[in-house]
N, C-alpha and C. Protein backbone atom coordinates (compact mmCIF):
# COMPACT_ATOMS: atom_id res chain seq x y z
N MET A 1 144.46 258.44 -40.82
CA MET A 1 143.74 257.26 -40.27
C MET A 1 144.32 257.41 -38.50
N THR A 2 143.23 256.44 -38.60
CA THR A 2 142.98 256.56 -36.98
C THR A 2 142.14 255.22 -36.09
N LYS A 3 142.50 254.81 -34.82
CA LYS A 3 142.01 254.46 -34.15
C LYS A 3 140.42 254.88 -33.65
N LEU A 4 139.59 253.65 -34.12
CA LEU A 4 137.99 254.10 -33.36
C LEU A 4 137.50 253.46 -32.59
N ASN A 5 137.17 254.11 -31.53
CA ASN A 5 136.54 253.03 -30.18
C ASN A 5 135.04 253.22 -30.28
N LEU A 6 134.21 252.16 -30.58
CA LEU A 6 133.16 251.93 -30.97
C LEU A 6 132.63 250.50 -30.17
N ASN A 7 131.08 250.71 -29.99
CA ASN A 7 130.49 249.81 -29.16
C ASN A 7 130.05 248.70 -30.43
N MET A 8 130.51 247.28 -30.42
CA MET A 8 130.11 246.20 -31.40
C MET A 8 128.96 245.63 -30.75
N ILE A 9 127.88 245.00 -31.56
CA ILE A 9 126.82 244.28 -31.81
C ILE A 9 127.04 243.12 -32.69
N THR A 10 126.67 242.08 -32.17
CA THR A 10 127.20 240.62 -33.21
C THR A 10 125.54 240.89 -33.57
N GLN A 11 125.36 239.65 -34.73
CA GLN A 11 124.13 240.11 -35.44
C GLN A 11 124.03 238.80 -36.36
N ARG A 12 122.61 238.55 -36.58
CA ARG A 12 122.39 237.64 -37.48
C ARG A 12 121.56 238.38 -39.07
N SER A 13 122.15 237.75 -39.99
CA SER A 13 122.00 237.99 -41.45
C SER A 13 121.00 237.31 -42.51
N VAL A 14 120.67 237.51 -42.73
CA VAL A 14 119.93 236.37 -43.77
C VAL A 14 121.31 236.30 -45.19
N GLU A 15 121.86 236.73 -44.98
CA GLU A 15 122.91 236.08 -46.05
C GLU A 15 123.96 235.49 -45.44
N GLU A 16 124.29 235.58 -43.80
CA GLU A 16 124.90 234.65 -43.02
C GLU A 16 124.03 233.34 -42.74
N GLY A 17 122.64 233.60 -42.56
CA GLY A 17 121.97 232.17 -42.64
C GLY A 17 121.49 231.29 -43.72
N ALA A 18 121.53 231.88 -44.87
CA ALA A 18 121.95 231.51 -46.22
C ALA A 18 123.36 230.71 -46.41
N ALA A 19 124.53 231.53 -46.31
CA ALA A 19 125.52 230.50 -46.60
C ALA A 19 125.72 229.40 -45.44
N MET A 20 125.62 229.70 -44.31
CA MET A 20 125.85 228.89 -43.26
C MET A 20 125.43 227.37 -43.76
N GLU A 21 124.06 226.98 -44.80
CA GLU A 21 123.77 226.19 -45.32
C GLU A 21 124.38 225.22 -46.21
N LYS A 22 125.47 226.12 -46.47
CA LYS A 22 126.46 225.98 -47.59
C LYS A 22 128.01 225.09 -46.97
N GLY A 23 128.09 225.34 -45.57
CA GLY A 23 129.36 225.13 -45.03
C GLY A 23 129.95 226.50 -44.50
N LYS A 24 130.80 226.25 -43.46
CA LYS A 24 131.41 227.38 -42.61
C LYS A 24 132.85 227.39 -44.08
N THR A 25 133.05 226.53 -44.26
CA THR A 25 134.28 226.34 -45.50
C THR A 25 134.30 227.31 -46.65
N ASN A 26 132.60 227.37 -47.16
CA ASN A 26 132.49 227.83 -48.30
C ASN A 26 132.60 228.74 -48.58
N PRO A 27 132.84 229.65 -49.56
CA PRO A 27 133.66 230.92 -49.82
C PRO A 27 132.08 232.15 -49.80
N ASP A 28 130.79 231.44 -50.01
CA ASP A 28 130.03 232.51 -49.85
C ASP A 28 129.72 232.74 -47.66
N TYR A 29 129.99 231.62 -47.24
CA TYR A 29 130.08 232.15 -46.15
C TYR A 29 131.43 232.82 -45.97
N PHE A 30 132.05 232.48 -45.94
CA PHE A 30 133.39 233.82 -45.87
C PHE A 30 132.99 235.22 -46.16
N GLU A 31 132.12 235.34 -47.91
CA GLU A 31 132.19 236.53 -47.77
C GLU A 31 130.39 237.19 -46.91
N ALA A 32 129.89 236.45 -46.55
CA ALA A 32 129.06 236.74 -45.87
C ALA A 32 129.06 237.06 -43.92
N CYS A 33 129.84 236.56 -43.32
CA CYS A 33 130.80 236.37 -42.25
C CYS A 33 131.88 237.14 -41.91
N SER A 34 132.42 237.42 -43.35
CA SER A 34 133.82 238.22 -42.45
C SER A 34 133.90 239.42 -42.31
N ILE A 35 132.74 240.24 -42.39
CA ILE A 35 132.22 241.88 -42.42
C ILE A 35 131.67 242.39 -41.01
N ILE A 36 132.31 243.25 -41.49
CA ILE A 36 131.71 244.48 -40.79
C ILE A 36 131.16 245.43 -41.21
N GLU A 37 129.78 246.11 -40.50
CA GLU A 37 129.15 247.03 -40.57
C GLU A 37 129.41 248.35 -40.26
N MET A 38 129.46 249.59 -40.88
CA MET A 38 129.81 250.55 -39.73
C MET A 38 129.16 252.04 -40.18
N ASN A 39 128.70 252.91 -39.73
CA ASN A 39 128.15 254.05 -40.21
C ASN A 39 128.97 254.93 -41.08
N PRO A 40 128.50 255.05 -41.59
CA PRO A 40 129.78 255.95 -43.04
C PRO A 40 130.68 257.42 -41.97
N GLU A 41 129.60 257.63 -41.44
CA GLU A 41 130.47 258.92 -40.36
C GLU A 41 131.85 258.31 -39.56
N ASP A 42 131.58 257.62 -39.15
CA ASP A 42 132.61 256.74 -38.51
C ASP A 42 133.73 256.06 -39.52
N MET A 43 133.24 255.53 -40.69
CA MET A 43 134.16 255.33 -41.39
C MET A 43 134.94 256.26 -42.07
N LYS A 44 134.31 257.43 -42.59
CA LYS A 44 135.23 258.54 -42.64
C LYS A 44 136.41 258.80 -41.94
N LYS A 45 135.86 259.21 -40.51
CA LYS A 45 136.74 259.88 -39.17
C LYS A 45 137.64 259.04 -39.59
N ALA A 46 137.86 257.25 -39.66
CA ALA A 46 138.77 256.58 -39.20
C ALA A 46 139.67 256.89 -40.75
N GLY A 47 139.59 257.14 -42.15
CA GLY A 47 139.58 256.62 -42.90
C GLY A 47 139.63 255.33 -43.63
N ILE A 48 138.83 254.97 -43.10
CA ILE A 48 138.29 253.54 -43.46
C ILE A 48 137.17 253.78 -45.50
N TRP A 49 138.23 252.77 -45.87
CA TRP A 49 137.04 252.77 -47.16
C TRP A 49 136.25 251.68 -47.56
N VAL A 50 135.16 251.84 -48.02
CA VAL A 50 134.06 250.28 -48.09
C VAL A 50 134.68 249.34 -48.84
N ASN A 51 134.66 248.73 -48.53
CA ASN A 51 135.00 247.18 -48.75
C ASN A 51 136.74 247.14 -48.58
N SER A 52 136.94 247.71 -47.28
CA SER A 52 138.69 247.69 -47.13
C SER A 52 138.31 246.89 -45.96
N ASN A 53 139.95 246.33 -45.67
CA ASN A 53 139.92 245.30 -44.24
C ASN A 53 140.44 246.51 -43.64
N VAL A 54 139.45 246.03 -42.02
CA VAL A 54 139.88 246.93 -40.83
C VAL A 54 140.49 245.66 -39.79
N ARG A 55 140.96 246.20 -38.85
CA ARG A 55 141.18 245.39 -37.68
C ARG A 55 140.64 245.76 -36.58
N VAL A 56 139.78 244.45 -36.21
CA VAL A 56 138.73 244.82 -35.21
C VAL A 56 139.88 244.39 -33.64
N THR A 57 139.86 244.91 -32.80
CA THR A 57 140.22 244.70 -31.38
C THR A 57 139.44 244.95 -30.13
N SER A 58 139.42 243.89 -29.68
CA SER A 58 138.58 244.21 -28.27
C SER A 58 139.58 243.01 -27.07
N GLU A 59 139.26 243.05 -26.02
CA GLU A 59 139.81 242.82 -24.80
C GLU A 59 140.59 241.25 -24.89
N CYS A 60 139.71 240.71 -25.84
CA CYS A 60 140.06 238.97 -25.77
C CYS A 60 140.39 239.15 -26.72
N GLY A 61 140.68 239.70 -28.26
CA GLY A 61 141.24 239.06 -28.92
C GLY A 61 141.04 240.40 -30.57
N THR A 62 141.83 239.75 -31.38
CA THR A 62 141.69 240.36 -32.56
C THR A 62 141.44 239.90 -34.33
N VAL A 63 140.71 240.26 -34.91
CA VAL A 63 140.43 239.88 -36.65
C VAL A 63 140.55 241.02 -37.31
N VAL A 64 140.85 240.65 -38.65
CA VAL A 64 140.83 241.40 -39.54
C VAL A 64 139.15 240.88 -40.53
N VAL A 65 138.60 242.23 -41.02
CA VAL A 65 137.46 241.75 -41.21
C VAL A 65 137.52 243.37 -42.55
N LYS A 66 136.70 242.46 -43.45
CA LYS A 66 135.97 243.71 -44.43
C LYS A 66 134.86 244.60 -43.65
N CYS A 67 135.12 245.94 -44.18
CA CYS A 67 134.51 246.97 -43.89
C CYS A 67 133.27 247.52 -45.58
N ILE A 68 131.71 247.52 -44.54
CA ILE A 68 130.99 247.60 -45.12
C ILE A 68 130.01 248.76 -44.87
N HIS A 69 129.44 249.44 -45.39
CA HIS A 69 128.16 250.59 -44.91
C HIS A 69 127.03 250.03 -44.33
N ALA A 70 126.58 249.93 -43.02
CA ALA A 70 125.97 249.55 -42.48
C ALA A 70 124.24 249.15 -43.35
N THR A 71 123.98 248.09 -43.22
CA THR A 71 122.88 247.52 -44.41
C THR A 71 121.41 247.75 -43.27
N GLN A 72 121.83 247.97 -42.07
CA GLN A 72 120.39 248.56 -41.21
C GLN A 72 120.76 249.88 -40.01
N TYR A 73 120.18 250.09 -39.24
CA TYR A 73 120.45 251.40 -38.53
C TYR A 73 121.25 250.87 -37.46
N CYS A 74 122.54 251.96 -37.67
CA CYS A 74 123.85 251.69 -37.13
C CYS A 74 124.41 253.01 -36.63
N PRO A 75 124.09 253.92 -35.62
CA PRO A 75 124.30 255.62 -35.49
C PRO A 75 125.66 255.48 -35.41
N PRO A 76 126.53 256.41 -35.24
CA PRO A 76 127.83 256.63 -34.72
C PRO A 76 128.02 256.15 -33.94
N GLY A 77 129.30 255.34 -33.71
CA GLY A 77 129.62 254.88 -32.27
C GLY A 77 129.78 253.17 -31.93
N LEU A 78 128.84 252.93 -32.71
CA LEU A 78 128.32 251.72 -32.78
C LEU A 78 128.23 250.82 -34.31
N ALA A 79 128.46 249.37 -34.34
CA ALA A 79 129.54 248.98 -35.39
C ALA A 79 128.67 247.34 -34.99
N HIS A 80 128.48 246.94 -36.21
CA HIS A 80 127.88 245.46 -36.13
C HIS A 80 129.09 244.63 -36.99
N ILE A 81 128.85 243.20 -36.48
CA ILE A 81 129.88 242.33 -37.01
C ILE A 81 129.06 240.96 -37.15
N ARG A 82 128.72 240.20 -38.26
CA ARG A 82 128.31 239.14 -38.02
C ARG A 82 128.60 237.55 -37.57
N GLN A 83 127.29 237.25 -36.72
CA GLN A 83 128.08 236.22 -36.24
C GLN A 83 128.06 234.95 -36.90
N GLY A 84 129.28 234.31 -36.10
CA GLY A 84 130.46 233.45 -36.81
C GLY A 84 131.57 233.25 -36.35
N VAL A 85 132.62 233.00 -37.24
CA VAL A 85 133.91 232.81 -36.62
C VAL A 85 134.60 233.87 -36.28
N TRP A 86 135.00 234.61 -36.97
CA TRP A 86 135.12 235.92 -37.37
C TRP A 86 134.69 237.17 -35.73
N ALA A 87 133.33 236.52 -35.72
CA ALA A 87 132.93 237.55 -34.49
C ALA A 87 133.70 237.01 -33.42
N ASN A 88 133.41 235.36 -33.66
CA ASN A 88 133.75 234.90 -32.44
C ASN A 88 135.23 235.02 -31.96
N GLN A 89 136.22 235.82 -32.41
CA GLN A 89 137.20 236.08 -31.92
C GLN A 89 137.72 237.48 -31.33
N VAL A 90 136.61 238.38 -31.15
CA VAL A 90 136.35 239.33 -30.64
C VAL A 90 135.52 239.59 -29.36
N VAL A 91 134.19 238.16 -29.40
CA VAL A 91 133.64 238.45 -28.21
C VAL A 91 134.03 238.31 -26.88
N PRO A 92 133.77 239.06 -25.92
CA PRO A 92 134.45 238.66 -24.64
C PRO A 92 133.56 237.62 -24.11
N PRO A 93 134.42 236.59 -23.72
CA PRO A 93 134.00 235.14 -22.86
C PRO A 93 133.03 235.26 -21.38
N ARG A 94 132.73 236.52 -21.09
CA ARG A 94 132.20 237.05 -19.95
C ARG A 94 130.62 236.40 -20.34
N THR A 95 129.78 235.62 -19.25
CA THR A 95 128.27 235.37 -19.33
C THR A 95 127.53 236.06 -18.79
N GLN A 96 127.77 236.53 -17.47
CA GLN A 96 127.03 237.04 -16.47
C GLN A 96 126.15 236.13 -16.14
N SER A 97 126.80 234.88 -16.11
CA SER A 97 126.36 234.02 -14.96
C SER A 97 125.20 233.22 -15.72
N THR A 98 124.88 233.77 -17.50
CA THR A 98 124.09 233.11 -17.86
C THR A 98 124.29 232.11 -18.96
N GLY A 99 125.55 231.24 -19.11
CA GLY A 99 126.22 230.35 -19.85
C GLY A 99 126.25 231.05 -21.60
N THR A 100 125.96 232.20 -21.59
CA THR A 100 125.77 232.76 -22.96
C THR A 100 127.10 233.87 -23.10
N PRO A 101 128.06 233.77 -24.07
CA PRO A 101 128.97 234.89 -24.33
C PRO A 101 128.42 236.36 -24.31
N GLN A 102 129.02 237.27 -23.73
CA GLN A 102 128.78 238.47 -24.54
C GLN A 102 128.61 239.29 -26.05
N TYR A 103 127.77 238.42 -26.35
CA TYR A 103 127.87 239.02 -27.84
C TYR A 103 127.68 239.88 -28.53
N SER A 104 126.69 241.00 -27.14
CA SER A 104 126.08 242.71 -27.75
C SER A 104 126.70 243.81 -27.06
N GLY A 105 127.51 244.53 -27.10
CA GLY A 105 127.90 245.64 -25.93
C GLY A 105 128.71 245.73 -25.22
N PHE A 106 129.63 245.26 -26.47
CA PHE A 106 131.56 245.31 -25.73
C PHE A 106 132.02 246.28 -26.30
N PRO A 107 133.13 246.62 -26.09
CA PRO A 107 134.04 247.83 -26.78
C PRO A 107 135.11 247.36 -27.39
N VAL A 108 135.58 248.19 -28.83
CA VAL A 108 136.25 247.13 -29.63
C VAL A 108 137.17 248.74 -30.17
N THR A 109 137.99 248.61 -30.76
CA THR A 109 138.88 249.85 -31.52
C THR A 109 138.77 248.47 -32.72
N VAL A 110 138.56 249.87 -33.81
CA VAL A 110 138.60 249.62 -35.51
C VAL A 110 139.51 249.87 -35.95
N GLU A 111 140.04 249.31 -36.84
CA GLU A 111 141.87 250.76 -37.30
C GLU A 111 141.67 250.27 -38.63
N PRO A 112 141.50 250.67 -40.11
CA PRO A 112 142.58 250.29 -41.17
C PRO A 112 143.54 249.34 -41.23
N ALA A 113 143.76 248.02 -42.22
CA ALA A 113 144.01 247.52 -41.96
C ALA A 113 144.44 247.28 -43.77
N PHE A 114 144.89 248.20 -44.50
CA PHE A 114 144.42 247.66 -46.15
C PHE A 114 145.31 247.02 -46.40
N THR A 115 146.54 246.59 -46.02
CA THR A 115 147.23 245.63 -46.53
C THR A 115 147.50 244.28 -45.98
N GLU A 116 146.37 243.99 -44.65
CA GLU A 116 146.19 242.85 -43.93
C GLU A 116 144.80 241.79 -44.60
N GLU A 117 144.88 240.34 -45.11
CA GLU A 117 144.73 240.03 -45.71
C GLU A 117 143.12 239.32 -44.49
N ARG A 118 142.07 238.64 -44.96
CA ARG A 118 141.15 238.40 -43.79
C ARG A 118 141.61 236.50 -43.58
N LYS A 119 141.26 236.46 -42.82
CA LYS A 119 141.66 234.93 -42.45
C LYS A 119 140.75 233.99 -43.08
N THR A 120 140.21 232.47 -43.34
CA THR A 120 139.27 231.72 -43.53
C THR A 120 138.81 231.43 -42.32
N ALA A 121 137.55 230.51 -42.05
CA ALA A 121 137.09 230.07 -41.36
C ALA A 121 137.85 229.00 -40.28
N LEU A 122 138.69 228.35 -41.32
CA LEU A 122 139.60 227.45 -41.19
C LEU A 122 141.12 227.75 -40.82
N GLN A 123 141.59 228.55 -41.08
CA GLN A 123 142.71 229.42 -40.59
C GLN A 123 142.46 229.71 -39.54
N LEU A 124 140.89 230.34 -39.05
CA LEU A 124 141.00 231.00 -37.68
C LEU A 124 140.93 229.79 -36.52
N VAL A 125 139.71 228.83 -37.01
CA VAL A 125 139.93 227.85 -36.32
C VAL A 125 141.24 227.09 -35.76
N GLN A 126 142.08 226.94 -36.69
CA GLN A 126 143.14 226.12 -36.61
C GLN A 126 144.00 227.19 -35.97
N GLY A 127 144.13 228.24 -35.93
CA GLY A 127 144.99 229.33 -35.36
C GLY A 127 144.63 229.05 -33.86
N ALA A 128 143.50 228.86 -33.44
CA ALA A 128 142.61 229.02 -32.02
C ALA A 128 143.34 228.05 -31.39
N VAL A 129 144.26 227.18 -32.20
CA VAL A 129 144.80 225.85 -31.23
C VAL A 129 145.65 225.44 -31.64
N GLY A 130 146.85 226.55 -32.37
CA GLY A 130 147.62 226.52 -32.33
C GLY A 130 148.40 225.29 -33.94
N LEU A 131 147.67 225.44 -34.44
CA LEU A 131 147.72 224.73 -35.71
C LEU A 131 148.44 225.38 -36.85
N TRP A 132 147.27 226.33 -37.07
CA TRP A 132 147.63 227.46 -38.11
C TRP A 132 148.68 228.04 -38.77
N LYS A 133 149.79 228.08 -39.25
CA LYS A 133 150.52 228.99 -39.26
C LYS A 133 150.91 229.89 -41.04
N LYS A 134 151.15 230.78 -40.70
CA LYS A 134 151.28 231.86 -41.87
C LYS A 134 151.62 230.95 -43.07
N GLY A 135 150.83 231.22 -43.99
CA GLY A 135 151.30 230.31 -45.62
C GLY A 135 151.26 228.73 -45.32
N GLY A 136 150.38 228.75 -44.59
CA GLY A 136 149.77 226.94 -43.86
C GLY A 136 148.68 227.16 -45.18
N ASN A 137 148.00 226.31 -45.11
CA ASN A 137 146.67 225.84 -45.49
C ASN A 137 145.36 226.20 -44.45
């Protein structure tokens, strides 16, 4: 098992859009958005299994998400994370004077996190403002 340095792109997906209509605390939203899509070669290189949890870390944060094979073109060295609460944990706040954060093209490290659990959207939001504690709601 090893850490991989990858280039991250956040993306919209049909699954994310449909689940968002049900609400961000809905289990369908959790399953649609708390994932990272990776190239199978990169997964093999890092010892990551399909549907296992991984830790994604950028210059501004970290998040645990489930890893799947990319559902669209994703060459080695690139990864996709669906836009939403989980992606927002690692998206750099730089805007290059546009007012929009840098949602694509930023470096991350990805490593296996087999024993770690994905947090819900509510846990991540509460954690960002200091309200969530391990073992709490």
